Amino acid sequence: MQVTIRQDLESGTAVEIHCREITSETERLERYIRRFDEHIIGSSEGQAHTIAVEQILYIEAVDKKTFLYTPGNVYETDKKLYELEEMLDGKTFFRCSKSVIVNLNKITKLKPEVTRNILATLTNGEVVVISRRNVKQLKALIGLDG
C-alpha cells in the first residue's frame, strides 16, 4: 500500500483512497478514516472527558449505568449500551454479551471454555466473556466461520 501526504494550503484535510477494486480491506480503511476523530463524552471523578473511540477497550452496563474502559481509566457515560452499539462501527465493536461491547481491535487472545463461552484477553490483560450465544457471530465477523 502506498501512502502519500500532500500539503495544500488552499483546502482543509481530505482523504482519497485509490484502488483497483473495492475490497473488504478498503471498506474497512474507509470506515476507520470516517471514524478517526470520533469521541464519546464520559465522566470520571466529577469531570467530563472526551474519550477517543479507538482508545476504548470495552463498554459495560452495570446497575443501569454504562462504563467505558480505557487502558488507564474507567469513565461513566449517560448513553445506554444499545445507543453506543448503534453509534459504533459493527466491524470493530462487538456486542459479546447482554451487558458488554468489546473493541475487537483490542483483543490479543481468544480462549474457548468448556461452557462454550470464549474468554477474550484484551491488550491491558483484562478478560471479557463472549457468551456462547454470540460465538458464531464473532467467528463470522473475524473470519473463523469456515
N, C-alpha and C. Protein backbone atom coordinates (compact mmCIF):
# COMPACT_ATOMS: atom_id res chain seq x y z
N MET A 1 0.85 -1.17 0.00
CA MET A 1 0.00 0.00 0.00
C MET A 1 0.90 1.23 0.00
N GLN A 2 0.59 2.14 -0.85
CA GLN A 2 1.33 3.39 -0.94
C GLN A 2 0.56 4.46 -0.19
N VAL A 3 1.27 5.24 0.63
CA VAL A 3 0.65 6.34 1.37
C VAL A 3 1.38 7.62 1.00
N THR A 4 0.62 8.63 0.61
CA THR A 4 1.20 9.92 0.22
C THR A 4 0.48 11.02 0.98
N ILE A 5 1.23 11.95 1.54
CA ILE A 5 0.64 13.13 2.17
C ILE A 5 1.11 14.35 1.40
N ARG A 6 0.15 15.16 0.97
CA ARG A 6 0.47 16.36 0.20
C ARG A 6 -0.13 17.57 0.93
N GLN A 7 0.69 18.52 1.23
CA GLN A 7 0.22 19.73 1.90
C GLN A 7 -0.40 20.66 0.87
N ASP A 8 -1.61 21.13 1.18
CA ASP A 8 -2.33 22.05 0.30
C ASP A 8 -2.87 23.16 1.17
N LEU A 9 -2.30 24.33 1.06
CA LEU A 9 -2.69 25.44 1.92
C LEU A 9 -4.05 26.03 1.55
N GLU A 10 -4.58 25.67 0.39
CA GLU A 10 -5.84 26.23 -0.08
C GLU A 10 -7.07 25.49 0.46
N SER A 11 -6.90 24.23 0.87
CA SER A 11 -8.07 23.46 1.30
C SER A 11 -7.83 22.82 2.67
N GLY A 12 -8.87 22.27 3.23
CA GLY A 12 -8.76 21.56 4.50
C GLY A 12 -8.25 20.15 4.27
N THR A 13 -8.31 19.34 5.30
CA THR A 13 -7.85 17.96 5.19
C THR A 13 -8.86 17.13 4.42
N ALA A 14 -8.36 16.37 3.44
CA ALA A 14 -9.20 15.47 2.66
C ALA A 14 -8.43 14.18 2.44
N VAL A 15 -9.14 13.07 2.40
CA VAL A 15 -8.51 11.77 2.17
C VAL A 15 -9.19 11.10 0.99
N GLU A 16 -8.39 10.60 0.05
CA GLU A 16 -8.90 9.84 -1.08
C GLU A 16 -8.25 8.47 -1.05
N ILE A 17 -9.03 7.46 -1.37
CA ILE A 17 -8.49 6.10 -1.46
C ILE A 17 -8.54 5.70 -2.93
N HIS A 18 -7.40 5.37 -3.50
CA HIS A 18 -7.32 4.91 -4.88
C HIS A 18 -7.02 3.41 -4.84
N CYS A 19 -7.84 2.63 -5.56
CA CYS A 19 -7.62 1.18 -5.55
C CYS A 19 -8.12 0.57 -6.87
N ARG A 20 -7.58 -0.61 -7.19
CA ARG A 20 -8.04 -1.31 -8.40
C ARG A 20 -9.46 -1.81 -8.24
N GLU A 21 -9.76 -2.31 -7.04
CA GLU A 21 -11.11 -2.78 -6.75
C GLU A 21 -11.43 -2.52 -5.29
N ILE A 22 -12.70 -2.40 -4.99
CA ILE A 22 -13.12 -2.17 -3.62
C ILE A 22 -13.23 -3.53 -2.93
N THR A 23 -12.40 -3.71 -1.92
CA THR A 23 -12.37 -4.97 -1.17
C THR A 23 -12.83 -4.70 0.26
N SER A 24 -12.93 -5.76 1.03
CA SER A 24 -13.31 -5.59 2.44
C SER A 24 -12.25 -4.76 3.18
N GLU A 25 -10.99 -4.89 2.76
CA GLU A 25 -9.93 -4.11 3.40
C GLU A 25 -10.07 -2.62 3.10
N THR A 26 -10.40 -2.28 1.85
CA THR A 26 -10.57 -0.86 1.53
C THR A 26 -11.82 -0.29 2.21
N GLU A 27 -12.85 -1.09 2.34
CA GLU A 27 -14.05 -0.65 3.05
C GLU A 27 -13.74 -0.44 4.53
N ARG A 28 -12.94 -1.33 5.10
CA ARG A 28 -12.53 -1.19 6.50
C ARG A 28 -11.69 0.07 6.69
N LEU A 29 -10.80 0.34 5.76
CA LEU A 29 -9.98 1.55 5.82
C LEU A 29 -10.86 2.79 5.75
N GLU A 30 -11.85 2.77 4.88
CA GLU A 30 -12.77 3.90 4.77
C GLU A 30 -13.52 4.13 6.09
N ARG A 31 -14.03 3.05 6.68
CA ARG A 31 -14.73 3.18 7.97
C ARG A 31 -13.81 3.75 9.03
N TYR A 32 -12.57 3.27 9.05
CA TYR A 32 -11.60 3.75 10.03
C TYR A 32 -11.35 5.25 9.85
N ILE A 33 -11.16 5.67 8.63
CA ILE A 33 -10.90 7.09 8.35
C ILE A 33 -12.11 7.94 8.75
N ARG A 34 -13.31 7.48 8.39
CA ARG A 34 -14.52 8.25 8.73
C ARG A 34 -14.70 8.39 10.24
N ARG A 35 -14.31 7.37 10.98
CA ARG A 35 -14.50 7.39 12.43
C ARG A 35 -13.23 7.79 13.19
N PHE A 36 -12.21 8.22 12.46
CA PHE A 36 -10.91 8.53 13.04
C PHE A 36 -10.98 9.48 14.22
N ASP A 37 -11.79 10.50 14.09
CA ASP A 37 -11.84 11.54 15.11
C ASP A 37 -13.10 11.44 15.97
N GLU A 38 -13.70 10.26 16.03
CA GLU A 38 -14.94 10.07 16.78
C GLU A 38 -14.65 9.96 18.27
N HIS A 39 -15.48 10.63 19.07
CA HIS A 39 -15.29 10.67 20.51
C HIS A 39 -16.61 10.42 21.23
N ILE A 40 -16.48 10.00 22.48
CA ILE A 40 -17.63 9.84 23.36
C ILE A 40 -17.32 10.63 24.63
N ILE A 41 -18.32 11.31 25.16
CA ILE A 41 -18.13 12.05 26.40
C ILE A 41 -18.37 11.11 27.57
N GLY A 42 -17.43 11.09 28.49
CA GLY A 42 -17.55 10.29 29.70
C GLY A 42 -17.13 11.11 30.90
N SER A 43 -17.51 10.67 32.08
CA SER A 43 -17.13 11.42 33.27
C SER A 43 -16.37 10.52 34.23
N SER A 44 -15.45 11.14 34.95
CA SER A 44 -14.66 10.45 35.96
C SER A 44 -14.36 11.46 37.06
N GLU A 45 -14.66 11.09 38.29
CA GLU A 45 -14.41 11.95 39.44
C GLU A 45 -15.04 13.33 39.26
N GLY A 46 -16.25 13.36 38.71
CA GLY A 46 -16.99 14.60 38.57
C GLY A 46 -16.57 15.48 37.41
N GLN A 47 -15.61 15.03 36.60
CA GLN A 47 -15.17 15.84 35.47
C GLN A 47 -15.52 15.15 34.16
N ALA A 48 -15.92 15.95 33.18
CA ALA A 48 -16.23 15.41 31.85
C ALA A 48 -14.95 15.25 31.05
N HIS A 49 -14.86 14.17 30.30
CA HIS A 49 -13.70 13.88 29.46
C HIS A 49 -14.17 13.49 28.07
N THR A 50 -13.38 13.81 27.07
CA THR A 50 -13.62 13.37 25.71
C THR A 50 -12.75 12.15 25.46
N ILE A 51 -13.38 11.01 25.18
CA ILE A 51 -12.64 9.76 25.01
C ILE A 51 -12.67 9.38 23.54
N ALA A 52 -11.48 9.21 22.95
CA ALA A 52 -11.40 8.77 21.56
C ALA A 52 -11.90 7.33 21.48
N VAL A 53 -12.76 7.06 20.53
CA VAL A 53 -13.36 5.74 20.38
C VAL A 53 -12.31 4.64 20.27
N GLU A 54 -11.21 4.91 19.57
CA GLU A 54 -10.20 3.86 19.37
C GLU A 54 -9.45 3.52 20.66
N GLN A 55 -9.61 4.34 21.71
CA GLN A 55 -8.96 4.06 22.99
C GLN A 55 -9.79 3.13 23.87
N ILE A 56 -11.05 2.94 23.52
CA ILE A 56 -11.95 2.14 24.35
C ILE A 56 -11.63 0.65 24.19
N LEU A 57 -11.42 -0.03 25.32
CA LEU A 57 -11.21 -1.47 25.33
C LEU A 57 -12.55 -2.19 25.28
N TYR A 58 -13.44 -1.81 26.19
CA TYR A 58 -14.79 -2.38 26.20
C TYR A 58 -15.73 -1.44 26.94
N ILE A 59 -17.01 -1.71 26.76
CA ILE A 59 -18.07 -0.91 27.36
C ILE A 59 -18.96 -1.87 28.13
N GLU A 60 -19.33 -1.49 29.34
CA GLU A 60 -20.12 -2.40 30.18
C GLU A 60 -21.28 -1.66 30.83
N ALA A 61 -22.43 -2.31 30.87
CA ALA A 61 -23.58 -1.78 31.57
C ALA A 61 -23.74 -2.54 32.89
N VAL A 62 -23.78 -1.78 34.00
CA VAL A 62 -23.91 -2.37 35.33
C VAL A 62 -24.88 -1.51 36.13
N ASP A 63 -25.90 -2.12 36.69
CA ASP A 63 -26.86 -1.40 37.53
C ASP A 63 -27.39 -0.13 36.88
N LYS A 64 -27.82 -0.23 35.63
CA LYS A 64 -28.39 0.88 34.86
C LYS A 64 -27.42 2.03 34.63
N LYS A 65 -26.13 1.74 34.73
CA LYS A 65 -25.10 2.72 34.40
C LYS A 65 -24.20 2.10 33.33
N THR A 66 -23.63 2.96 32.48
CA THR A 66 -22.77 2.49 31.40
C THR A 66 -21.37 3.04 31.60
N PHE A 67 -20.37 2.13 31.50
CA PHE A 67 -18.99 2.49 31.74
C PHE A 67 -18.13 2.21 30.52
N LEU A 68 -17.20 3.12 30.26
CA LEU A 68 -16.23 2.99 29.17
C LEU A 68 -14.89 2.67 29.80
N TYR A 69 -14.28 1.57 29.39
CA TYR A 69 -12.99 1.16 29.94
C TYR A 69 -11.90 1.44 28.91
N THR A 70 -10.89 2.21 29.35
CA THR A 70 -9.73 2.51 28.51
C THR A 70 -8.51 1.92 29.24
N PRO A 71 -7.34 1.91 28.60
CA PRO A 71 -6.18 1.32 29.28
C PRO A 71 -5.88 1.91 30.66
N GLY A 72 -6.16 3.18 30.88
CA GLY A 72 -5.79 3.77 32.16
C GLY A 72 -6.94 4.19 33.05
N ASN A 73 -8.16 4.24 32.51
CA ASN A 73 -9.27 4.79 33.28
C ASN A 73 -10.59 4.10 32.99
N VAL A 74 -11.56 4.39 33.86
CA VAL A 74 -12.94 3.97 33.67
C VAL A 74 -13.78 5.23 33.71
N TYR A 75 -14.64 5.40 32.71
CA TYR A 75 -15.50 6.58 32.62
C TYR A 75 -16.94 6.14 32.59
N GLU A 76 -17.80 6.94 33.16
CA GLU A 76 -19.24 6.70 33.08
C GLU A 76 -19.79 7.59 31.98
N THR A 77 -20.73 7.04 31.21
CA THR A 77 -21.38 7.83 30.16
C THR A 77 -22.88 7.79 30.37
N ASP A 78 -23.56 8.82 29.89
CA ASP A 78 -25.02 8.84 30.03
C ASP A 78 -25.72 8.06 28.93
N LYS A 79 -24.96 7.58 27.96
CA LYS A 79 -25.55 6.82 26.86
C LYS A 79 -25.85 5.39 27.31
N LYS A 80 -26.89 4.83 26.74
CA LYS A 80 -27.25 3.43 27.01
C LYS A 80 -26.42 2.52 26.10
N LEU A 81 -26.29 1.27 26.49
CA LEU A 81 -25.49 0.32 25.73
C LEU A 81 -25.99 0.19 24.29
N TYR A 82 -27.29 0.12 24.10
CA TYR A 82 -27.84 -0.02 22.75
C TYR A 82 -27.56 1.23 21.90
N GLU A 83 -27.53 2.41 22.52
CA GLU A 83 -27.22 3.63 21.78
C GLU A 83 -25.77 3.61 21.30
N LEU A 84 -24.87 3.16 22.16
CA LEU A 84 -23.46 3.07 21.78
C LEU A 84 -23.26 2.01 20.71
N GLU A 85 -23.98 0.90 20.83
CA GLU A 85 -23.88 -0.17 19.84
C GLU A 85 -24.29 0.33 18.46
N GLU A 86 -25.35 1.12 18.39
CA GLU A 86 -25.81 1.68 17.12
C GLU A 86 -24.81 2.69 16.56
N MET A 87 -24.18 3.45 17.45
CA MET A 87 -23.27 4.51 17.06
C MET A 87 -21.92 3.98 16.57
N LEU A 88 -21.42 2.91 17.18
CA LEU A 88 -20.08 2.40 16.91
C LEU A 88 -20.05 1.48 15.70
N ASP A 89 -18.89 1.36 15.09
CA ASP A 89 -18.70 0.51 13.92
C ASP A 89 -18.86 -0.96 14.31
N GLY A 90 -19.80 -1.64 13.66
CA GLY A 90 -20.09 -3.04 13.95
C GLY A 90 -18.99 -4.01 13.56
N LYS A 91 -18.01 -3.57 12.79
CA LYS A 91 -16.87 -4.42 12.44
C LYS A 91 -15.75 -4.29 13.46
N THR A 92 -15.82 -3.27 14.29
CA THR A 92 -14.79 -3.04 15.30
C THR A 92 -15.32 -3.31 16.70
N PHE A 93 -16.54 -2.88 16.97
CA PHE A 93 -17.14 -3.08 18.28
C PHE A 93 -18.21 -4.16 18.19
N PHE A 94 -18.11 -5.15 19.08
CA PHE A 94 -18.96 -6.34 19.02
C PHE A 94 -19.69 -6.53 20.34
N ARG A 95 -21.00 -6.71 20.26
CA ARG A 95 -21.81 -6.99 21.46
C ARG A 95 -21.57 -8.45 21.84
N CYS A 96 -20.72 -8.66 22.84
CA CYS A 96 -20.29 -10.03 23.17
C CYS A 96 -21.15 -10.67 24.25
N SER A 97 -21.96 -9.88 24.93
CA SER A 97 -22.89 -10.42 25.92
C SER A 97 -23.99 -9.39 26.15
N LYS A 98 -24.91 -9.74 27.00
CA LYS A 98 -26.03 -8.85 27.27
C LYS A 98 -25.58 -7.48 27.78
N SER A 99 -24.45 -7.44 28.50
CA SER A 99 -24.06 -6.19 29.14
C SER A 99 -22.69 -5.66 28.70
N VAL A 100 -22.07 -6.27 27.67
CA VAL A 100 -20.72 -5.84 27.29
C VAL A 100 -20.59 -5.71 25.77
N ILE A 101 -19.93 -4.62 25.35
CA ILE A 101 -19.49 -4.42 23.97
C ILE A 101 -17.97 -4.38 24.01
N VAL A 102 -17.30 -5.17 23.18
CA VAL A 102 -15.84 -5.22 23.20
C VAL A 102 -15.28 -4.66 21.90
N ASN A 103 -14.13 -4.00 22.00
CA ASN A 103 -13.41 -3.49 20.84
C ASN A 103 -12.57 -4.65 20.30
N LEU A 104 -12.93 -5.18 19.15
CA LEU A 104 -12.23 -6.34 18.58
C LEU A 104 -10.76 -6.05 18.31
N ASN A 105 -10.41 -4.81 18.06
CA ASN A 105 -9.02 -4.44 17.81
C ASN A 105 -8.16 -4.52 19.07
N LYS A 106 -8.79 -4.63 20.23
CA LYS A 106 -8.05 -4.68 21.49
C LYS A 106 -7.93 -6.10 22.05
N ILE A 107 -8.44 -7.09 21.32
CA ILE A 107 -8.33 -8.49 21.76
C ILE A 107 -6.99 -9.06 21.32
N THR A 108 -6.27 -9.66 22.28
CA THR A 108 -4.99 -10.28 21.96
C THR A 108 -5.06 -11.80 21.93
N LYS A 109 -6.07 -12.37 22.64
CA LYS A 109 -6.17 -13.83 22.71
C LYS A 109 -7.62 -14.25 22.93
N LEU A 110 -8.02 -15.32 22.27
CA LEU A 110 -9.34 -15.92 22.48
C LEU A 110 -9.13 -17.34 23.00
N LYS A 111 -9.84 -17.66 24.08
CA LYS A 111 -9.69 -18.99 24.68
C LYS A 111 -11.07 -19.61 24.90
N PRO A 112 -11.37 -20.73 24.21
CA PRO A 112 -12.67 -21.38 24.41
C PRO A 112 -12.75 -22.02 25.80
N GLU A 113 -13.95 -22.01 26.35
CA GLU A 113 -14.20 -22.66 27.63
C GLU A 113 -15.07 -23.89 27.43
N VAL A 114 -15.10 -24.75 28.43
CA VAL A 114 -15.92 -25.96 28.38
C VAL A 114 -17.40 -25.59 28.23
N THR A 115 -17.79 -24.44 28.78
CA THR A 115 -19.19 -23.99 28.72
C THR A 115 -19.59 -23.45 27.35
N ARG A 116 -18.66 -23.45 26.40
CA ARG A 116 -18.82 -22.93 25.04
C ARG A 116 -18.79 -21.40 24.98
N ASN A 117 -18.53 -20.75 26.11
CA ASN A 117 -18.22 -19.33 26.09
C ASN A 117 -16.78 -19.19 25.61
N ILE A 118 -16.39 -17.99 25.26
CA ILE A 118 -14.99 -17.71 24.90
C ILE A 118 -14.49 -16.60 25.81
N LEU A 119 -13.28 -16.79 26.33
CA LEU A 119 -12.64 -15.74 27.11
C LEU A 119 -11.75 -14.93 26.19
N ALA A 120 -11.97 -13.63 26.15
CA ALA A 120 -11.18 -12.73 25.30
C ALA A 120 -10.25 -11.91 26.19
N THR A 121 -8.96 -12.08 25.98
CA THR A 121 -7.97 -11.29 26.72
C THR A 121 -7.68 -10.03 25.93
N LEU A 122 -7.72 -8.89 26.62
CA LEU A 122 -7.52 -7.60 25.97
C LEU A 122 -6.08 -7.14 26.14
N THR A 123 -5.72 -6.08 25.44
CA THR A 123 -4.35 -5.58 25.43
C THR A 123 -3.83 -5.20 26.82
N ASN A 124 -4.74 -4.87 27.74
CA ASN A 124 -4.31 -4.50 29.10
C ASN A 124 -4.33 -5.69 30.05
N GLY A 125 -4.62 -6.90 29.53
CA GLY A 125 -4.65 -8.10 30.36
C GLY A 125 -6.01 -8.45 30.92
N GLU A 126 -6.97 -7.53 30.85
CA GLU A 126 -8.31 -7.84 31.34
C GLU A 126 -8.96 -8.89 30.43
N VAL A 127 -9.90 -9.63 31.00
CA VAL A 127 -10.59 -10.68 30.26
C VAL A 127 -12.08 -10.39 30.26
N VAL A 128 -12.70 -10.46 29.08
CA VAL A 128 -14.15 -10.36 28.98
C VAL A 128 -14.69 -11.67 28.42
N VAL A 129 -15.91 -11.98 28.80
CA VAL A 129 -16.54 -13.22 28.37
C VAL A 129 -17.40 -12.96 27.15
N ILE A 130 -17.19 -13.77 26.12
CA ILE A 130 -18.06 -13.74 24.95
C ILE A 130 -19.04 -14.88 25.13
N SER A 131 -20.30 -14.54 25.30
CA SER A 131 -21.29 -15.56 25.62
C SER A 131 -21.46 -16.52 24.45
N ARG A 132 -21.80 -17.74 24.78
CA ARG A 132 -21.92 -18.78 23.75
C ARG A 132 -22.97 -18.42 22.70
N ARG A 133 -23.95 -17.60 23.07
CA ARG A 133 -24.97 -17.16 22.10
C ARG A 133 -24.35 -16.31 20.99
N ASN A 134 -23.23 -15.65 21.28
CA ASN A 134 -22.62 -14.73 20.33
C ASN A 134 -21.37 -15.28 19.65
N VAL A 135 -20.96 -16.49 19.99
CA VAL A 135 -19.72 -17.06 19.46
C VAL A 135 -19.77 -17.22 17.94
N LYS A 136 -20.88 -17.72 17.41
CA LYS A 136 -21.00 -17.94 15.97
C LYS A 136 -20.87 -16.62 15.22
N GLN A 137 -21.52 -15.59 15.71
CA GLN A 137 -21.45 -14.26 15.08
C GLN A 137 -20.03 -13.71 15.15
N LEU A 138 -19.35 -13.91 16.27
CA LEU A 138 -17.96 -13.45 16.41
C LEU A 138 -17.07 -14.16 15.40
N LYS A 139 -17.21 -15.47 15.29
CA LYS A 139 -16.38 -16.23 14.36
C LYS A 139 -16.60 -15.77 12.93
N ALA A 140 -17.83 -15.48 12.57
CA ALA A 140 -18.12 -14.98 11.22
C ALA A 140 -17.49 -13.61 11.02
N LEU A 141 -17.54 -12.79 12.04
CA LEU A 141 -17.02 -11.42 11.94
C LEU A 141 -15.50 -11.39 11.79
N ILE A 142 -14.80 -12.30 12.47
CA ILE A 142 -13.34 -12.29 12.40
C ILE A 142 -12.79 -13.32 11.41
N GLY A 143 -13.70 -13.99 10.69
CA GLY A 143 -13.26 -14.89 9.62
C GLY A 143 -12.89 -16.29 10.07
N LEU A 144 -13.46 -16.76 11.17
CA LEU A 144 -13.18 -18.12 11.65
C LEU A 144 -14.38 -19.05 11.47
N ASP A 145 -15.31 -18.67 10.61
CA ASP A 145 -16.53 -19.47 10.46
C ASP A 145 -16.40 -20.61 9.48
N GLY A 146 -15.25 -20.77 8.85
CA GLY A 146 -15.07 -21.81 7.84
C GLY A 146 -14.65 -23.06 8.45
